[in-house]
Each structure stands twice: as C-alpha cells, then as structure tokens.
Amino acid sequence: MSQLDPATIAKTAALAQLEISETDLPRLAQELGQIFELFNTINTPEISATTPLSHPLGETQRLRADTAIARDMMPSIEENAPAAENRYITVPKVIE
C-alpha cells in the first residue's frame, strides 16, 4: 500500500494511544503493508463461474403450514391485568 508510511503509522498509533518507538515504525509499515496486500488478495476472488447459493449446505428449510388460529386471548389478558371491567383494562386516571 503506497500511502502506508512510518508517519501514518505514528499518527495512527498516537490516536490509538499506543507507544511505538521510532526504530519500529519502518518494520511495522512493511508488515502492515503485507497484511493489507493479503486483504486485497482475499477481497478479489474469481467468482464469475460460481452459482449463487441461498444456503451453504444446499438444503431447503422445512416450514410448518401457515394456518390462522382464532383465539380468544381476553380472559388471559384480564387475568394478568391489574384491573379489568367489561372486557376493558382499567387504569387509574392520570389527567384531571
């Protein structure tokens, strides 16, 4: 990477509050440059001949039937409410 020089590493180290000696800066610049080159190699694979997958194992997901079930949840709600009257949950009056 052409913009990775010892001055950039020193500035980044200062922002990260790391103490790096002046003698280590050129070595770190070289090592980080090699790491960034490896990342660039990893980011550019040849995938034009590969078919896209919806799942890495190529299997389909078993789904249950989507059926509507009518349930009367009001008795359970009234049972858990602090106070209920005529199928409505009653609360203390807040605004006068």
N, C-alpha and C. Protein backbone atom coordinates (compact mmCIF):
# COMPACT_ATOMS: atom_id res chain seq x y z
N MET A 1 0.86 -1.17 0.00
CA MET A 1 0.00 0.00 0.00
C MET A 1 0.90 1.23 0.00
N SER A 2 0.72 2.09 -0.94
CA SER A 2 1.64 3.20 -1.14
C SER A 2 1.50 4.28 -0.08
N GLN A 3 0.34 4.46 0.51
CA GLN A 3 0.13 5.53 1.47
C GLN A 3 0.45 5.10 2.90
N LEU A 4 0.97 3.90 3.06
CA LEU A 4 1.30 3.42 4.40
C LEU A 4 2.78 3.69 4.66
N ASP A 5 3.07 4.77 5.31
CA ASP A 5 4.45 5.14 5.61
C ASP A 5 4.59 5.26 7.13
N PRO A 6 5.81 5.37 7.61
CA PRO A 6 6.01 5.47 9.06
C PRO A 6 5.28 6.65 9.70
N ALA A 7 5.11 7.74 8.99
CA ALA A 7 4.40 8.89 9.57
C ALA A 7 2.93 8.57 9.79
N THR A 8 2.33 7.86 8.85
CA THR A 8 0.92 7.45 9.01
C THR A 8 0.77 6.50 10.18
N ILE A 9 1.71 5.58 10.30
CA ILE A 9 1.65 4.63 11.43
C ILE A 9 1.85 5.36 12.75
N ALA A 10 2.74 6.31 12.80
CA ALA A 10 2.97 7.08 14.03
C ALA A 10 1.73 7.86 14.40
N LYS A 11 1.07 8.47 13.42
CA LYS A 11 -0.16 9.24 13.70
C LYS A 11 -1.27 8.32 14.20
N THR A 12 -1.42 7.16 13.55
CA THR A 12 -2.44 6.19 13.96
C THR A 12 -2.15 5.67 15.36
N ALA A 13 -0.90 5.40 15.65
CA ALA A 13 -0.52 4.93 16.99
C ALA A 13 -0.81 5.99 18.04
N ALA A 14 -0.57 7.24 17.70
CA ALA A 14 -0.85 8.32 18.65
C ALA A 14 -2.35 8.43 18.89
N LEU A 15 -3.15 8.29 17.84
CA LEU A 15 -4.61 8.35 18.01
C LEU A 15 -5.13 7.18 18.83
N ALA A 16 -4.48 6.02 18.69
CA ALA A 16 -4.87 4.84 19.44
C ALA A 16 -4.21 4.79 20.81
N GLN A 17 -3.43 5.81 21.12
CA GLN A 17 -2.70 5.93 22.39
C GLN A 17 -1.77 4.73 22.60
N LEU A 18 -1.06 4.38 21.54
CA LEU A 18 -0.05 3.32 21.60
C LEU A 18 1.33 3.95 21.55
N GLU A 19 2.26 3.37 22.26
CA GLU A 19 3.63 3.85 22.25
C GLU A 19 4.45 2.94 21.35
N ILE A 20 4.92 3.49 20.22
CA ILE A 20 5.74 2.75 19.28
C ILE A 20 7.03 3.53 19.09
N SER A 21 8.16 2.84 19.22
CA SER A 21 9.45 3.53 19.07
C SER A 21 9.70 3.85 17.60
N GLU A 22 10.53 4.85 17.39
CA GLU A 22 10.87 5.30 16.03
C GLU A 22 11.57 4.20 15.23
N THR A 23 12.29 3.33 15.93
CA THR A 23 13.01 2.26 15.22
C THR A 23 12.06 1.17 14.72
N ASP A 24 10.91 1.03 15.35
CA ASP A 24 9.94 0.01 14.95
C ASP A 24 9.01 0.45 13.82
N LEU A 25 8.93 1.74 13.55
CA LEU A 25 7.99 2.26 12.56
C LEU A 25 8.22 1.71 11.15
N PRO A 26 9.45 1.68 10.61
CA PRO A 26 9.62 1.13 9.26
C PRO A 26 9.24 -0.35 9.16
N ARG A 27 9.58 -1.11 10.19
CA ARG A 27 9.24 -2.55 10.19
C ARG A 27 7.73 -2.72 10.24
N LEU A 28 7.05 -1.94 11.08
CA LEU A 28 5.59 -2.03 11.16
C LEU A 28 4.93 -1.61 9.85
N ALA A 29 5.49 -0.59 9.18
CA ALA A 29 4.95 -0.16 7.90
C ALA A 29 5.04 -1.29 6.88
N GLN A 30 6.16 -1.98 6.86
CA GLN A 30 6.32 -3.09 5.93
C GLN A 30 5.36 -4.24 6.26
N GLU A 31 5.28 -4.60 7.53
CA GLU A 31 4.41 -5.71 7.92
C GLU A 31 2.93 -5.39 7.67
N LEU A 32 2.51 -4.18 8.00
CA LEU A 32 1.12 -3.80 7.76
C LEU A 32 0.83 -3.72 6.26
N GLY A 33 1.81 -3.29 5.48
CA GLY A 33 1.64 -3.28 4.03
C GLY A 33 1.42 -4.68 3.49
N GLN A 34 2.15 -5.66 4.02
CA GLN A 34 1.97 -7.05 3.60
C GLN A 34 0.59 -7.56 4.01
N ILE A 35 0.13 -7.18 5.18
CA ILE A 35 -1.20 -7.60 5.64
C ILE A 35 -2.28 -7.00 4.76
N PHE A 36 -2.14 -5.72 4.41
CA PHE A 36 -3.14 -5.08 3.55
C PHE A 36 -3.13 -5.68 2.15
N GLU A 37 -1.96 -6.07 1.64
CA GLU A 37 -1.90 -6.75 0.35
C GLU A 37 -2.63 -8.09 0.42
N LEU A 38 -2.49 -8.80 1.52
CA LEU A 38 -3.19 -10.06 1.69
C LEU A 38 -4.70 -9.84 1.71
N PHE A 39 -5.16 -8.79 2.39
CA PHE A 39 -6.59 -8.48 2.40
C PHE A 39 -7.09 -8.16 1.00
N ASN A 40 -6.30 -7.43 0.23
CA ASN A 40 -6.71 -7.14 -1.15
C ASN A 40 -6.80 -8.40 -1.98
N THR A 41 -5.91 -9.36 -1.74
CA THR A 41 -5.96 -10.63 -2.45
C THR A 41 -7.21 -11.40 -2.05
N ILE A 42 -7.55 -11.38 -0.78
CA ILE A 42 -8.75 -12.08 -0.31
C ILE A 42 -10.02 -11.43 -0.84
N ASN A 43 -10.03 -10.12 -0.98
CA ASN A 43 -11.22 -9.39 -1.41
C ASN A 43 -11.49 -9.51 -2.90
N THR A 44 -10.59 -10.04 -3.68
CA THR A 44 -10.80 -10.11 -5.12
C THR A 44 -10.76 -11.54 -5.63
N PRO A 45 -11.64 -12.44 -5.15
CA PRO A 45 -11.65 -13.80 -5.69
C PRO A 45 -12.38 -13.84 -7.03
N GLU A 46 -12.09 -14.85 -7.83
CA GLU A 46 -12.77 -15.04 -9.11
C GLU A 46 -14.02 -15.88 -8.85
N ILE A 47 -15.18 -15.24 -8.89
CA ILE A 47 -16.42 -15.95 -8.58
C ILE A 47 -17.41 -15.94 -9.73
N SER A 48 -16.98 -15.55 -10.92
CA SER A 48 -17.92 -15.44 -12.03
C SER A 48 -18.47 -16.80 -12.46
N ALA A 49 -17.72 -17.88 -12.27
CA ALA A 49 -18.19 -19.20 -12.67
C ALA A 49 -18.96 -19.91 -11.56
N THR A 50 -19.09 -19.30 -10.42
CA THR A 50 -19.75 -19.93 -9.28
C THR A 50 -21.23 -19.56 -9.27
N THR A 51 -22.08 -20.56 -9.06
CA THR A 51 -23.52 -20.28 -8.96
C THR A 51 -23.85 -19.82 -7.56
N PRO A 52 -24.72 -18.83 -7.42
CA PRO A 52 -25.05 -18.32 -6.09
C PRO A 52 -25.84 -19.36 -5.29
N LEU A 53 -25.62 -19.36 -3.99
CA LEU A 53 -26.31 -20.27 -3.08
C LEU A 53 -27.23 -19.49 -2.16
N SER A 54 -28.40 -20.05 -1.88
CA SER A 54 -29.26 -19.44 -0.89
C SER A 54 -28.93 -19.96 0.50
N HIS A 55 -28.26 -21.13 0.54
CA HIS A 55 -27.85 -21.73 1.80
C HIS A 55 -26.54 -22.47 1.55
N PRO A 56 -25.58 -22.40 2.45
CA PRO A 56 -24.29 -23.03 2.16
C PRO A 56 -24.35 -24.54 2.03
N LEU A 57 -25.35 -25.17 2.60
CA LEU A 57 -25.44 -26.63 2.51
C LEU A 57 -26.34 -27.08 1.37
N GLY A 58 -27.03 -26.16 0.70
CA GLY A 58 -27.88 -26.53 -0.42
C GLY A 58 -29.16 -27.23 -0.02
N GLU A 59 -29.56 -27.12 1.22
CA GLU A 59 -30.77 -27.76 1.69
C GLU A 59 -31.89 -26.73 1.81
N THR A 60 -33.11 -27.22 1.80
CA THR A 60 -34.25 -26.33 1.98
C THR A 60 -34.74 -26.43 3.41
N GLN A 61 -35.34 -25.38 3.88
CA GLN A 61 -35.82 -25.34 5.25
C GLN A 61 -37.24 -25.91 5.30
N ARG A 62 -37.46 -26.79 6.26
CA ARG A 62 -38.80 -27.34 6.44
C ARG A 62 -39.64 -26.32 7.19
N LEU A 63 -40.77 -25.97 6.62
CA LEU A 63 -41.64 -24.99 7.24
C LEU A 63 -42.97 -25.65 7.61
N ARG A 64 -43.56 -25.18 8.68
CA ARG A 64 -44.87 -25.68 9.04
C ARG A 64 -45.92 -24.93 8.23
N ALA A 65 -47.09 -25.52 8.16
CA ALA A 65 -48.18 -24.88 7.41
C ALA A 65 -48.58 -23.58 8.09
N ASP A 66 -48.82 -22.57 7.30
CA ASP A 66 -49.20 -21.27 7.82
C ASP A 66 -50.73 -21.22 7.90
N THR A 67 -51.24 -21.50 9.09
CA THR A 67 -52.69 -21.51 9.28
C THR A 67 -53.07 -20.51 10.35
N ALA A 68 -54.18 -19.83 10.11
CA ALA A 68 -54.68 -18.87 11.08
C ALA A 68 -55.48 -19.59 12.15
N ILE A 69 -55.25 -19.22 13.39
CA ILE A 69 -55.97 -19.82 14.52
C ILE A 69 -56.66 -18.70 15.27
N ALA A 70 -57.97 -18.82 15.40
CA ALA A 70 -58.73 -17.81 16.14
C ALA A 70 -58.69 -18.17 17.62
N ARG A 71 -58.17 -17.27 18.42
CA ARG A 71 -58.08 -17.49 19.86
C ARG A 71 -58.69 -16.29 20.57
N ASP A 72 -59.37 -16.58 21.64
CA ASP A 72 -59.89 -15.51 22.48
C ASP A 72 -58.89 -15.32 23.62
N MET A 73 -58.05 -14.32 23.50
CA MET A 73 -56.99 -14.07 24.48
C MET A 73 -57.46 -13.18 25.62
N MET A 74 -58.69 -12.66 25.52
CA MET A 74 -59.15 -11.69 26.51
C MET A 74 -59.21 -12.26 27.94
N PRO A 75 -59.66 -13.49 28.15
CA PRO A 75 -59.64 -13.99 29.54
C PRO A 75 -58.22 -14.02 30.13
N SER A 76 -57.25 -14.40 29.34
CA SER A 76 -55.87 -14.43 29.82
C SER A 76 -55.36 -13.02 30.09
N ILE A 77 -55.73 -12.07 29.23
CA ILE A 77 -55.31 -10.68 29.41
C ILE A 77 -55.95 -10.10 30.66
N GLU A 78 -57.26 -10.35 30.84
CA GLU A 78 -57.95 -9.83 32.03
C GLU A 78 -57.38 -10.42 33.31
N GLU A 79 -56.96 -11.67 33.23
CA GLU A 79 -56.40 -12.34 34.40
C GLU A 79 -55.07 -11.71 34.81
N ASN A 80 -54.28 -11.26 33.84
CA ASN A 80 -52.98 -10.68 34.13
C ASN A 80 -53.03 -9.17 34.34
N ALA A 81 -54.14 -8.53 34.02
CA ALA A 81 -54.26 -7.08 34.17
C ALA A 81 -54.49 -6.74 35.64
N PRO A 82 -54.04 -5.57 36.09
CA PRO A 82 -54.27 -5.17 37.47
C PRO A 82 -55.76 -5.00 37.77
N ALA A 83 -56.51 -4.49 36.79
CA ALA A 83 -57.96 -4.34 36.96
C ALA A 83 -58.61 -4.38 35.58
N ALA A 84 -59.74 -5.08 35.48
CA ALA A 84 -60.45 -5.18 34.20
C ALA A 84 -61.94 -5.09 34.47
N GLU A 85 -62.66 -4.47 33.52
CA GLU A 85 -64.10 -4.30 33.67
C GLU A 85 -64.73 -4.33 32.28
N ASN A 86 -65.68 -5.22 32.06
CA ASN A 86 -66.40 -5.35 30.79
C ASN A 86 -65.45 -5.51 29.60
N ARG A 87 -64.50 -6.41 29.73
CA ARG A 87 -63.52 -6.72 28.68
C ARG A 87 -62.58 -5.56 28.36
N TYR A 88 -62.46 -4.59 29.25
CA TYR A 88 -61.52 -3.48 29.10
C TYR A 88 -60.59 -3.48 30.31
N ILE A 89 -59.36 -3.10 30.09
CA ILE A 89 -58.39 -2.98 31.19
C ILE A 89 -58.56 -1.58 31.74
N THR A 90 -58.78 -1.50 33.04
CA THR A 90 -58.96 -0.19 33.67
C THR A 90 -57.66 0.22 34.35
N VAL A 91 -57.36 1.49 34.22
CA VAL A 91 -56.15 2.07 34.82
C VAL A 91 -56.56 3.30 35.62
N PRO A 92 -55.71 3.71 36.56
CA PRO A 92 -56.04 4.92 37.30
C PRO A 92 -56.05 6.15 36.38
N LYS A 93 -56.89 7.11 36.71
CA LYS A 93 -56.97 8.33 35.94
C LYS A 93 -55.67 9.13 36.13
N VAL A 94 -55.08 9.57 35.00
CA VAL A 94 -53.82 10.26 35.07
C VAL A 94 -53.99 11.76 34.86
N ILE A 95 -54.93 12.15 34.02
CA ILE A 95 -55.14 13.56 33.70
C ILE A 95 -56.44 14.01 34.36
N GLU A 96 -56.37 15.11 35.05
CA GLU A 96 -57.55 15.65 35.71
C GLU A 96 -58.34 16.50 34.78
